Amino acid sequence: MNNFTARKVEIAKLVPKLKHNVKPRYRNLKNTEGPEGRINKIKSTLSALLKYERLELFLPRCDEVRGYAERLITEAIRHGDQHPPTMDLANYFLNDKQNDSQVV
């Protein structure tokens, strides 16, 4: 029993050393236009999502756009349409300006 307790303590010392931070990695949305094309693809997908309220896409693209959509909707709910930074965010990501009122 004594040996078992000593091994348990040794393992407990090792566990914090094994933890490490994992940096977030962007999804690889391949586009011939480079980073600007990636942003344009995210903008068009986000605009279509808010316009049609449902999209069927491949997982990497959906997963990438999901974070932006949740952020935009959360900010719109939290601050409303009178908050300039929220409206700047909506104007940047939405191609159709008539969708602004739908979000906020």
PDB file of N, CA and C in Angstrom:
ATOM      1  N   MET A   1       0.814  -1.187   0.000  1.00  0.00           N
ATOM      2  CA  MET A   1       0.000   0.000   0.000  1.00  0.00           C
ATOM      3  C   MET A   1       0.861   1.256   0.000  1.00  0.00           C
ATOM      4  N   ASN A   2       1.932   1.239   0.714  1.00  0.00           N
ATOM      5  CA  ASN A   2       2.778   2.409   0.801  1.00  0.00           C
ATOM      6  C   ASN A   2       3.395   2.741  -0.564  1.00  0.00           C
ATOM      7  N   ASN A   3       3.798   1.711  -1.309  1.00  0.00           N
ATOM      8  CA  ASN A   3       4.381   1.910  -2.633  1.00  0.00           C
ATOM      9  C   ASN A   3       3.334   2.492  -3.597  1.00  0.00           C
ATOM     10  N   PHE A   4       2.100   2.011  -3.465  1.00  0.00           N
ATOM     11  CA  PHE A   4       1.023   2.507  -4.317  1.00  0.00           C
ATOM     12  C   PHE A   4       0.761   3.997  -4.071  1.00  0.00           C
ATOM     13  N   THR A   5       0.767   4.427  -2.819  1.00  0.00           N
ATOM     14  CA  THR A   5       0.545   5.828  -2.476  1.00  0.00           C
ATOM     15  C   THR A   5       1.675   6.695  -3.010  1.00  0.00           C
ATOM     16  N   ALA A   6       2.901   6.209  -2.955  1.00  0.00           N
ATOM     17  CA  ALA A   6       4.041   6.971  -3.451  1.00  0.00           C
ATOM     18  C   ALA A   6       3.938   7.143  -4.974  1.00  0.00           C
ATOM     19  N   ARG A   7       3.500   6.111  -5.694  1.00  0.00           N
ATOM     20  CA  ARG A   7       3.364   6.207  -7.144  1.00  0.00           C
ATOM     21  C   ARG A   7       2.239   7.164  -7.520  1.00  0.00           C
ATOM     22  N   LYS A   8       1.183   7.167  -6.705  1.00  0.00           N
ATOM     23  CA  LYS A   8       0.071   8.053  -6.966  1.00  0.00           C
ATOM     24  C   LYS A   8       0.507   9.521  -6.841  1.00  0.00           C
ATOM     25  N   VAL A   9       1.351   9.797  -5.859  1.00  0.00           N
ATOM     26  CA  VAL A   9       1.860  11.152  -5.665  1.00  0.00           C
ATOM     27  C   VAL A   9       2.769  11.541  -6.820  1.00  0.00           C
ATOM     28  N   GLU A  10       3.590  10.626  -7.305  1.00  0.00           N
ATOM     29  CA  GLU A  10       4.483  10.924  -8.421  1.00  0.00           C
ATOM     30  C   GLU A  10       3.690  11.244  -9.691  1.00  0.00           C
ATOM     31  N   ILE A  11       2.617  10.507  -9.924  1.00  0.00           N
ATOM     32  CA  ILE A  11       1.789  10.761 -11.105  1.00  0.00           C
ATOM     33  C   ILE A  11       1.112  12.121 -10.977  1.00  0.00           C
ATOM     34  N   ALA A  12       0.680  12.465  -9.782  1.00  0.00           N
ATOM     35  CA  ALA A  12       0.033  13.762  -9.571  1.00  0.00           C
ATOM     36  C   ALA A  12       0.998  14.915  -9.864  1.00  0.00           C
ATOM     37  N   LYS A  13       2.280  14.715  -9.630  1.00  0.00           N
ATOM     38  CA  LYS A  13       3.267  15.746  -9.937  1.00  0.00           C
ATOM     39  C   LYS A  13       3.466  15.892 -11.448  1.00  0.00           C
ATOM     40  N   LEU A  14       3.293  14.808 -12.187  1.00  0.00           N
ATOM     41  CA  LEU A  14       3.525  14.839 -13.626  1.00  0.00           C
ATOM     42  C   LEU A  14       2.366  15.452 -14.407  1.00  0.00           C
ATOM     43  N   VAL A  15       1.170  15.334 -13.907  1.00  0.00           N
ATOM     44  CA  VAL A  15       0.009  15.767 -14.673  1.00  0.00           C
ATOM     45  C   VAL A  15       0.056  17.255 -15.019  1.00  0.00           C
ATOM     46  N   PRO A  16       0.352  18.172 -14.084  1.00  0.00           N
ATOM     47  CA  PRO A  16       0.407  19.574 -14.490  1.00  0.00           C
ATOM     48  C   PRO A  16       1.481  19.860 -15.544  1.00  0.00           C
ATOM     49  N   LYS A  17       2.531  19.082 -15.569  1.00  0.00           N
ATOM     50  CA  LYS A  17       3.583  19.305 -16.555  1.00  0.00           C
ATOM     51  C   LYS A  17       3.149  18.873 -17.954  1.00  0.00           C
ATOM     52  N   LEU A  18       2.176  17.968 -18.033  1.00  0.00           N
ATOM     53  CA  LEU A  18       1.728  17.493 -19.333  1.00  0.00           C
ATOM     54  C   LEU A  18       0.775  18.470 -20.010  1.00  0.00           C
ATOM     55  N   LYS A  19       0.131  19.327 -19.261  1.00  0.00           N
ATOM     56  CA  LYS A  19      -0.811  20.269 -19.840  1.00  0.00           C
ATOM     57  C   LYS A  19      -0.054  21.348 -20.613  1.00  0.00           C
ATOM     58  N   HIS A  20      -0.567  21.681 -21.767  1.00  0.00           N
ATOM     59  CA  HIS A  20       0.025  22.754 -22.557  1.00  0.00           C
ATOM     60  C   HIS A  20      -1.064  23.453 -23.346  1.00  0.00           C
ATOM     61  N   ASN A  21      -0.826  24.691 -23.685  1.00  0.00           N
ATOM     62  CA  ASN A  21      -1.797  25.467 -24.434  1.00  0.00           C
ATOM     63  C   ASN A  21      -1.750  25.080 -25.904  1.00  0.00           C
ATOM     64  N   VAL A  22      -2.909  24.974 -26.491  1.00  0.00           N
ATOM     65  CA  VAL A  22      -3.015  24.693 -27.911  1.00  0.00           C
ATOM     66  C   VAL A  22      -3.541  25.948 -28.576  1.00  0.00           C
ATOM     67  N   LYS A  23      -2.772  26.486 -29.494  1.00  0.00           N
ATOM     68  CA  LYS A  23      -3.182  27.699 -30.180  1.00  0.00           C
ATOM     69  C   LYS A  23      -4.307  27.380 -31.163  1.00  0.00           C
ATOM     70  N   PRO A  24      -5.301  28.262 -31.261  1.00  0.00           N
ATOM     71  CA  PRO A  24      -6.379  28.010 -32.228  1.00  0.00           C
ATOM     72  C   PRO A  24      -5.848  28.080 -33.644  1.00  0.00           C
ATOM     73  N   ARG A  25      -6.320  27.197 -34.469  1.00  0.00           N
ATOM     74  CA  ARG A  25      -5.878  27.143 -35.851  1.00  0.00           C
ATOM     75  C   ARG A  25      -7.078  27.403 -36.750  1.00  0.00           C
ATOM     76  N   TYR A  26      -6.910  28.295 -37.696  1.00  0.00           N
ATOM     77  CA  TYR A  26      -7.993  28.597 -38.602  1.00  0.00           C
ATOM     78  C   TYR A  26      -8.204  27.430 -39.554  1.00  0.00           C
ATOM     79  N   ARG A  27      -9.424  27.281 -39.976  1.00  0.00           N
ATOM     80  CA  ARG A  27      -9.725  26.238 -40.949  1.00  0.00           C
ATOM     81  C   ARG A  27      -9.083  26.596 -42.282  1.00  0.00           C
ATOM     82  N   ASN A  28      -8.735  25.589 -43.016  1.00  0.00           N
ATOM     83  CA  ASN A  28      -8.090  25.796 -44.302  1.00  0.00           C
ATOM     84  C   ASN A  28      -9.164  25.914 -45.382  1.00  0.00           C
ATOM     85  N   LEU A  29      -9.655  27.129 -45.584  1.00  0.00           N
ATOM     86  CA  LEU A  29     -10.619  27.373 -46.640  1.00  0.00           C
ATOM     87  C   LEU A  29      -9.825  27.772 -47.883  1.00  0.00           C
ATOM     88  N   LYS A  30      -9.590  26.821 -48.740  1.00  0.00           N
ATOM     89  CA  LYS A  30      -8.745  27.062 -49.899  1.00  0.00           C
ATOM     90  C   LYS A  30      -9.429  28.006 -50.871  1.00  0.00           C
ATOM     91  N   ASN A  31      -8.662  28.991 -51.300  1.00  0.00           N
ATOM     92  CA  ASN A  31      -9.180  29.963 -52.241  1.00  0.00           C
ATOM     93  C   ASN A  31      -8.005  30.499 -53.044  1.00  0.00           C
ATOM     94  N   THR A  32      -8.233  30.716 -54.313  1.00  0.00           N
ATOM     95  CA  THR A  32      -7.143  31.195 -55.160  1.00  0.00           C
ATOM     96  C   THR A  32      -6.832  32.662 -54.911  1.00  0.00           C
ATOM     97  N   GLU A  33      -7.740  33.377 -54.257  1.00  0.00           N
ATOM     98  CA  GLU A  33      -7.522  34.796 -54.001  1.00  0.00           C
ATOM     99  C   GLU A  33      -6.754  35.053 -52.718  1.00  0.00           C
ATOM    100  N   GLY A  34      -6.402  34.029 -51.989  1.00  0.00           N
ATOM    101  CA  GLY A  34      -5.623  34.182 -50.763  1.00  0.00           C
ATOM    102  C   GLY A  34      -6.490  34.572 -49.573  1.00  0.00           C
ATOM    103  N   PRO A  35      -5.913  35.295 -48.608  1.00  0.00           N
ATOM    104  CA  PRO A  35      -6.649  35.654 -47.396  1.00  0.00           C
ATOM    105  C   PRO A  35      -7.881  36.519 -47.663  1.00  0.00           C
ATOM    106  N   GLU A  36      -7.810  37.387 -48.663  1.00  0.00           N
ATOM    107  CA  GLU A  36      -8.975  38.208 -48.988  1.00  0.00           C
ATOM    108  C   GLU A  36     -10.122  37.349 -49.505  1.00  0.00           C
ATOM    109  N   GLY A  37      -9.783  36.329 -50.261  1.00  0.00           N
ATOM    110  CA  GLY A  37     -10.804  35.413 -50.758  1.00  0.00           C
ATOM    111  C   GLY A  37     -11.448  34.630 -49.632  1.00  0.00           C
ATOM    112  N   ARG A  38     -10.646  34.276 -48.621  1.00  0.00           N
ATOM    113  CA  ARG A  38     -11.174  33.564 -47.451  1.00  0.00           C
ATOM    114  C   ARG A  38     -12.183  34.442 -46.715  1.00  0.00           C
ATOM    115  N   ILE A  39     -11.838  35.710 -46.499  1.00  0.00           N
ATOM    116  CA  ILE A  39     -12.742  36.635 -45.816  1.00  0.00           C
ATOM    117  C   ILE A  39     -14.006  36.853 -46.652  1.00  0.00           C
ATOM    118  N   ASN A  40     -13.861  36.992 -47.967  1.00  0.00           N
ATOM    119  CA  ASN A  40     -15.029  37.168 -48.824  1.00  0.00           C
ATOM    120  C   ASN A  40     -15.944  35.952 -48.790  1.00  0.00           C
ATOM    121  N   LYS A  41     -15.348  34.770 -48.730  1.00  0.00           N
ATOM    122  CA  LYS A  41     -16.147  33.548 -48.648  1.00  0.00           C
ATOM    123  C   LYS A  41     -16.911  33.492 -47.320  1.00  0.00           C
ATOM    124  N   ILE A  42     -16.266  33.906 -46.235  1.00  0.00           N
ATOM    125  CA  ILE A  42     -16.931  33.939 -44.927  1.00  0.00           C
ATOM    126  C   ILE A  42     -18.069  34.961 -44.948  1.00  0.00           C
ATOM    127  N   LYS A  43     -17.823  36.130 -45.536  1.00  0.00           N
ATOM    128  CA  LYS A  43     -18.854  37.168 -45.616  1.00  0.00           C
ATOM    129  C   LYS A  43     -20.071  36.687 -46.400  1.00  0.00           C
ATOM    130  N   SER A  44     -19.838  36.078 -47.558  1.00  0.00           N
ATOM    131  CA  SER A  44     -20.964  35.640 -48.386  1.00  0.00           C
ATOM    132  C   SER A  44     -21.739  34.511 -47.710  1.00  0.00           C
ATOM    133  N   THR A  45     -21.034  33.616 -47.043  1.00  0.00           N
ATOM    134  CA  THR A  45     -21.705  32.523 -46.352  1.00  0.00           C
ATOM    135  C   THR A  45     -22.517  33.035 -45.171  1.00  0.00           C
ATOM    136  N   LEU A  46     -21.965  33.987 -44.431  1.00  0.00           N
ATOM    137  CA  LEU A  46     -22.667  34.559 -43.289  1.00  0.00           C
ATOM    138  C   LEU A  46     -23.901  35.343 -43.743  1.00  0.00           C
ATOM    139  N   SER A  47     -23.783  36.076 -44.831  1.00  0.00           N
ATOM    140  CA  SER A  47     -24.940  36.799 -45.362  1.00  0.00           C
ATOM    141  C   SER A  47     -26.039  35.831 -45.809  1.00  0.00           C
ATOM    142  N   ALA A  48     -25.634  34.760 -46.484  1.00  0.00           N
ATOM    143  CA  ALA A  48     -26.616  33.768 -46.933  1.00  0.00           C
ATOM    144  C   ALA A  48     -27.266  33.064 -45.744  1.00  0.00           C
ATOM    145  N   LEU A  49     -26.493  32.806 -44.708  1.00  0.00           N
ATOM    146  CA  LEU A  49     -27.041  32.143 -43.518  1.00  0.00           C
ATOM    147  C   LEU A  49     -28.122  33.004 -42.875  1.00  0.00           C
ATOM    148  N   LEU A  50     -27.872  34.288 -42.760  1.00  0.00           N
ATOM    149  CA  LEU A  50     -28.862  35.161 -42.140  1.00  0.00           C
ATOM    150  C   LEU A  50     -30.045  35.440 -43.071  1.00  0.00           C
ATOM    151  N   LYS A  51     -29.816  35.352 -44.373  1.00  0.00           N
ATOM    152  CA  LYS A  51     -30.901  35.590 -45.322  1.00  0.00           C
ATOM    153  C   LYS A  51     -31.842  34.389 -45.393  1.00  0.00           C
ATOM    154  N   TYR A  52     -31.283  33.193 -45.522  1.00  0.00           N
ATOM    155  CA  TYR A  52     -32.097  31.988 -45.698  1.00  0.00           C
ATOM    156  C   TYR A  52     -32.340  31.218 -44.399  1.00  0.00           C
ATOM    157  N   GLU A  53     -31.625  31.593 -43.343  1.00  0.00           N
ATOM    158  CA  GLU A  53     -31.740  30.999 -42.005  1.00  0.00           C
ATOM    159  C   GLU A  53     -31.353  29.525 -41.950  1.00  0.00           C
ATOM    160  N   ARG A  54     -30.805  29.002 -43.036  1.00  0.00           N
ATOM    161  CA  ARG A  54     -30.346  27.619 -43.051  1.00  0.00           C
ATOM    162  C   ARG A  54     -29.452  27.422 -44.274  1.00  0.00           C
ATOM    163  N   LEU A  55     -28.360  26.707 -44.070  1.00  0.00           N
ATOM    164  CA  LEU A  55     -27.455  26.401 -45.169  1.00  0.00           C
ATOM    165  C   LEU A  55     -26.982  24.960 -45.041  1.00  0.00           C
ATOM    166  N   GLU A  56     -26.676  24.363 -46.165  1.00  0.00           N
ATOM    167  CA  GLU A  56     -26.073  23.038 -46.174  1.00  0.00           C
ATOM    168  C   GLU A  56     -24.727  23.165 -46.884  1.00  0.00           C
ATOM    169  N   LEU A  57     -23.658  22.992 -46.107  1.00  0.00           N
ATOM    170  CA  LEU A  57     -22.299  23.165 -46.627  1.00  0.00           C
ATOM    171  C   LEU A  57     -21.416  22.041 -46.126  1.00  0.00           C
ATOM    172  N   PHE A  58     -20.166  22.099 -46.534  1.00  0.00           N
ATOM    173  CA  PHE A  58     -19.177  21.177 -46.000  1.00  0.00           C
ATOM    174  C   PHE A  58     -18.775  21.623 -44.605  1.00  0.00           C
ATOM    175  N   LEU A  59     -18.359  20.675 -43.782  1.00  0.00           N
ATOM    176  CA  LEU A  59     -18.085  20.935 -42.372  1.00  0.00           C
ATOM    177  C   LEU A  59     -17.038  22.013 -42.123  1.00  0.00           C
ATOM    178  N   PRO A  60     -15.879  22.024 -42.795  1.00  0.00           N
ATOM    179  CA  PRO A  60     -14.891  23.067 -42.472  1.00  0.00           C
ATOM    180  C   PRO A  60     -15.419  24.479 -42.670  1.00  0.00           C
ATOM    181  N   ARG A  61     -16.143  24.692 -43.737  1.00  0.00           N
ATOM    182  CA  ARG A  61     -16.681  26.021 -44.002  1.00  0.00           C
ATOM    183  C   ARG A  61     -17.771  26.384 -42.995  1.00  0.00           C
ATOM    184  N   CYS A  62     -18.639  25.429 -42.684  1.00  0.00           N
ATOM    185  CA  CYS A  62     -19.701  25.672 -41.690  1.00  0.00           C
ATOM    186  C   CYS A  62     -19.109  25.974 -40.329  1.00  0.00           C
ATOM    187  N   ASP A  63     -18.125  25.204 -39.949  1.00  0.00           N
ATOM    188  CA  ASP A  63     -17.532  25.358 -38.630  1.00  0.00           C
ATOM    189  C   ASP A  63     -16.815  26.698 -38.499  1.00  0.00           C
ATOM    190  N   GLU A  64     -16.199  27.148 -39.566  1.00  0.00           N
ATOM    191  CA  GLU A  64     -15.512  28.436 -39.540  1.00  0.00           C
ATOM    192  C   GLU A  64     -16.510  29.586 -39.438  1.00  0.00           C
ATOM    193  N   VAL A  65     -17.591  29.519 -40.178  1.00  0.00           N
ATOM    194  CA  VAL A  65     -18.576  30.594 -40.206  1.00  0.00           C
ATOM    195  C   VAL A  65     -19.407  30.612 -38.923  1.00  0.00           C
ATOM    196  N   ARG A  66     -19.548  29.474 -38.291  1.00  0.00           N
ATOM    197  CA  ARG A  66     -20.367  29.381 -37.085  1.00  0.00           C
ATOM    198  C   ARG A  66     -19.901  30.348 -35.995  1.00  0.00           C
ATOM    199  N   GLY A  67     -18.610  30.435 -35.789  1.00  0.00           N
ATOM    200  CA  GLY A  67     -18.072  31.325 -34.766  1.00  0.00           C
ATOM    201  C   GLY A  67     -18.389  32.776 -35.050  1.00  0.00           C
ATOM    202  N   TYR A  68     -18.265  33.175 -36.331  1.00  0.00           N
ATOM    203  CA  TYR A  68     -18.574  34.548 -36.705  1.00  0.00           C
ATOM    204  C   TYR A  68     -20.065  34.843 -36.544  1.00  0.00           C
ATOM    205  N   ALA A  69     -20.902  33.877 -36.918  1.00  0.00           N
ATOM    206  CA  ALA A  69     -22.348  34.069 -36.802  1.00  0.00           C
ATOM    207  C   ALA A  69     -22.775  34.193 -35.345  1.00  0.00           C
ATOM    208  N   GLU A  70     -22.245  33.318 -34.504  1.00  0.00           N
ATOM    209  CA  GLU A  70     -22.596  33.374 -33.084  1.00  0.00           C
ATOM    210  C   GLU A  70     -22.136  34.682 -32.454  1.00  0.00           C
ATOM    211  N   ARG A  71     -20.967  35.141 -32.826  1.00  0.00           N
ATOM    212  CA  ARG A  71     -20.456  36.401 -32.294  1.00  0.00           C
ATOM    213  C   ARG A  71     -21.328  37.575 -32.716  1.00  0.00           C
ATOM    214  N   LEU A  72     -21.704  37.603 -33.987  1.00  0.00           N
ATOM    215  CA  LEU A  72     -22.533  38.687 -34.504  1.00  0.00           C
ATOM    216  C   LEU A  72     -23.913  38.694 -33.849  1.00  0.00           C
ATOM    217  N   ILE A  73     -24.525  37.543 -33.713  1.00  0.00           N
ATOM    218  CA  ILE A  73     -25.852  37.459 -33.106  1.00  0.00           C
ATOM    219  C   ILE A  73     -25.795  37.816 -31.624  1.00  0.00           C
ATOM    220  N   THR A  74     -24.759  37.347 -30.931  1.00  0.00           N
ATOM    221  CA  THR A  74     -24.622  37.653 -29.503  1.00  0.00           C
ATOM    222  C   THR A  74     -24.442  39.147 -29.281  1.00  0.00           C
ATOM    223  N   GLU A  75     -23.599  39.771 -30.082  1.00  0.00           N
ATOM    224  CA  GLU A  75     -23.389  41.210 -29.954  1.00  0.00           C
ATOM    225  C   GLU A  75     -24.669  41.987 -30.267  1.00  0.00           C
ATOM    226  N   ALA A  76     -25.427  41.536 -31.267  1.00  0.00           N
ATOM    227  CA  ALA A  76     -26.670  42.219 -31.623  1.00  0.00           C
ATOM    228  C   ALA A  76     -27.709  42.088 -30.510  1.00  0.00           C
ATOM    229  N   ILE A  77     -27.785  40.934 -29.887  1.00  0.00           N
ATOM    230  CA  ILE A  77     -28.731  40.741 -28.781  1.00  0.00           C
ATOM    231  C   ILE A  77     -28.299  41.564 -27.578  1.00  0.00           C
ATOM    232  N   ARG A  78     -27.026  41.560 -27.288  1.00  0.00           N
ATOM    233  CA  ARG A  78     -26.519  42.224 -26.101  1.00  0.00           C
ATOM    234  C   ARG A  78     -26.622  43.747 -26.192  1.00  0.00           C
ATOM    235  N   HIS A  79     -26.289  44.328 -27.347  1.00  0.00           N
ATOM    236  CA  HIS A  79     -26.187  45.781 -27.445  1.00  0.00           C
ATOM    237  C   HIS A  79     -27.286  46.436 -28.277  1.00  0.00           C
ATOM    238  N   GLY A  80     -27.891  45.718 -29.196  1.00  0.00           N
ATOM    239  CA  GLY A  80     -28.938  46.300 -30.022  1.00  0.00           C
ATOM    240  C   GLY A  80     -28.381  47.071 -31.208  1.00  0.00           C
ATOM    241  N   ASP A  81     -29.286  47.751 -31.925  1.00  0.00           N
ATOM    242  CA  ASP A  81     -28.870  48.430 -33.151  1.00  0.00           C
ATOM    243  C   ASP A  81     -28.384  49.854 -32.922  1.00  0.00           C
ATOM    244  N   GLN A  82     -28.365  50.309 -31.687  1.00  0.00           N
ATOM    245  CA  GLN A  82     -27.871  51.657 -31.396  1.00  0.00           C
ATOM    246  C   GLN A  82     -26.395  51.673 -31.007  1.00  0.00           C
ATOM    247  N   HIS A  83     -25.773  50.519 -30.950  1.00  0.00           N
ATOM    248  CA  HIS A  83     -24.381  50.398 -30.535  1.00  0.00           C
ATOM    249  C   HIS A  83     -23.484  50.456 -31.773  1.00  0.00           C
ATOM    250  N   PRO A  84     -22.697  51.514 -31.946  1.00  0.00           N
ATOM    251  CA  PRO A  84     -21.891  51.664 -33.176  1.00  0.00           C
ATOM    252  C   PRO A  84     -20.921  50.516 -33.465  1.00  0.00           C
ATOM    253  N   PRO A  85     -20.183  49.976 -32.477  1.00  0.00           N
ATOM    254  CA  PRO A  85     -19.296  48.858 -32.827  1.00  0.00           C
ATOM    255  C   PRO A  85     -20.040  47.623 -33.329  1.00  0.00           C
ATOM    256  N   THR A  86     -21.229  47.369 -32.795  1.00  0.00           N
ATOM    257  CA  THR A  86     -22.015  46.230 -33.263  1.00  0.00           C
ATOM    258  C   THR A  86     -22.477  46.450 -34.694  1.00  0.00           C
ATOM    259  N   MET A  87     -22.891  47.664 -35.001  1.00  0.00           N
ATOM    260  CA  MET A  87     -23.332  47.951 -36.360  1.00  0.00           C
ATOM    261  C   MET A  87     -22.158  47.938 -37.342  1.00  0.00           C
ATOM    262  N   ASP A  88     -20.982  48.347 -36.893  1.00  0.00           N
ATOM    263  CA  ASP A  88     -19.789  48.253 -37.744  1.00  0.00           C
ATOM    264  C   ASP A  88     -19.475  46.796 -38.065  1.00  0.00           C
ATOM    265  N   LEU A  89     -19.611  45.945 -37.063  1.00  0.00           N
ATOM    266  CA  LEU A  89     -19.375  44.509 -37.257  1.00  0.00           C
ATOM    267  C   LEU A  89     -20.390  43.937 -38.243  1.00  0.00           C
ATOM    268  N   ALA A  90     -21.658  44.318 -38.088  1.00  0.00           N
ATOM    269  CA  ALA A  90     -22.701  43.830 -38.999  1.00  0.00           C
ATOM    270  C   ALA A  90     -22.470  44.357 -40.413  1.00  0.00           C
ATOM    271  N   ASN A  91     -22.106  45.622 -40.543  1.00  0.00           N
ATOM    272  CA  ASN A  91     -21.860  46.192 -41.875  1.00  0.00           C
ATOM    273  C   ASN A  91     -20.660  45.547 -42.557  1.00  0.00           C
ATOM    274  N   TYR A  92     -19.677  45.147 -41.777  1.00  0.00           N
ATOM    275  CA  TYR A  92     -18.493  44.527 -42.363  1.00  0.00           C
ATOM    276  C   TYR A  92     -18.801  43.120 -42.872  1.00  0.00           C
ATOM    277  N   PHE A  93     -19.526  42.338 -42.090  1.00  0.00           N
ATOM    278  CA  PHE A  93     -19.723  40.932 -42.438  1.00  0.00           C
ATOM    279  C   PHE A  93     -20.920  40.667 -43.334  1.00  0.00           C
ATOM    280  N   LEU A  94     -21.893  41.556 -43.384  1.00  0.00           N
ATOM    281  CA  LEU A  94     -23.090  41.294 -44.174  1.00  0.00           C
ATOM    282  C   LEU A  94     -23.020  42.019 -45.508  1.00  0.00           C
ATOM    283  N   ASN A  95     -23.205  41.268 -46.590  1.00  0.00           N
ATOM    284  CA  ASN A  95     -23.196  41.863 -47.922  1.00  0.00           C
ATOM    285  C   ASN A  95     -24.510  42.573 -48.213  1.00  0.00           C
ATOM    286  N   ASP A  96     -25.618  41.982 -47.818  1.00  0.00           N
ATOM    287  CA  ASP A  96     -26.932  42.589 -48.034  1.00  0.00           C
ATOM    288  C   ASP A  96     -27.261  43.470 -46.849  1.00  0.00           C
ATOM    289  N   LYS A  97     -27.458  44.742 -47.097  1.00  0.00           N
ATOM    290  CA  LYS A  97     -27.716  45.671 -45.994  1.00  0.00           C
ATOM    291  C   LYS A  97     -29.119  45.508 -45.417  1.00  0.00           C
ATOM    292  N   GLN A  98     -30.025  44.866 -46.160  1.00  0.00           N
ATOM    293  CA  GLN A  98     -31.357  44.647 -45.620  1.00  0.00           C
ATOM    294  C   GLN A  98     -31.351  43.565 -44.541  1.00  0.00           C
ATOM    295  N   ASN A  99     -30.294  42.766 -44.466  1.00  0.00           N
ATOM    296  CA  ASN A  99     -30.191  41.750 -43.438  1.00  0.00           C
ATOM    297  C   ASN A  99     -29.781  42.343 -42.088  1.00  0.00           C
ATOM    298  N   ASP A 100     -29.295  43.586 -42.066  1.00  0.00           N
ATOM    299  CA  ASP A 100     -28.905  44.207 -40.815  1.00  0.00           C
ATOM    300  C   ASP A 100     -30.056  44.255 -39.834  1.00  0.00           C
ATOM    301  N   SER A 101     -31.232  44.622 -40.323  1.00  0.00           N
ATOM    302  CA  SER A 101     -32.380  44.722 -39.421  1.00  0.00           C
ATOM    303  C   SER A 101     -32.821  43.347 -38.955  1.00  0.00           C
ATOM    304  N   GLN A 102     -32.533  42.317 -39.729  1.00  0.00           N
ATOM    305  CA  GLN A 102     -32.904  40.965 -39.340  1.00  0.00           C
ATOM    306  C   GLN A 102     -32.036  40.460 -38.181  1.00  0.00           C
ATOM    307  N   VAL A 103     -30.787  40.877 -38.142  1.00  0.00           N
ATOM    308  CA  VAL A 103     -29.894  40.455 -37.074  1.00  0.00           C
ATOM    309  C   VAL A 103     -30.202  41.201 -35.804  1.00  0.00           C
ATOM    310  N   VAL A 104     -30.350  42.509 -35.898  1.00  0.00           N
ATOM    311  CA  VAL A 104     -30.503  43.353 -34.713  1.00  0.00           C
ATOM    312  C   VAL A 104     -31.932  43.483 -34.305  1.00  0.00           C
TER     313      VAL A 104
END
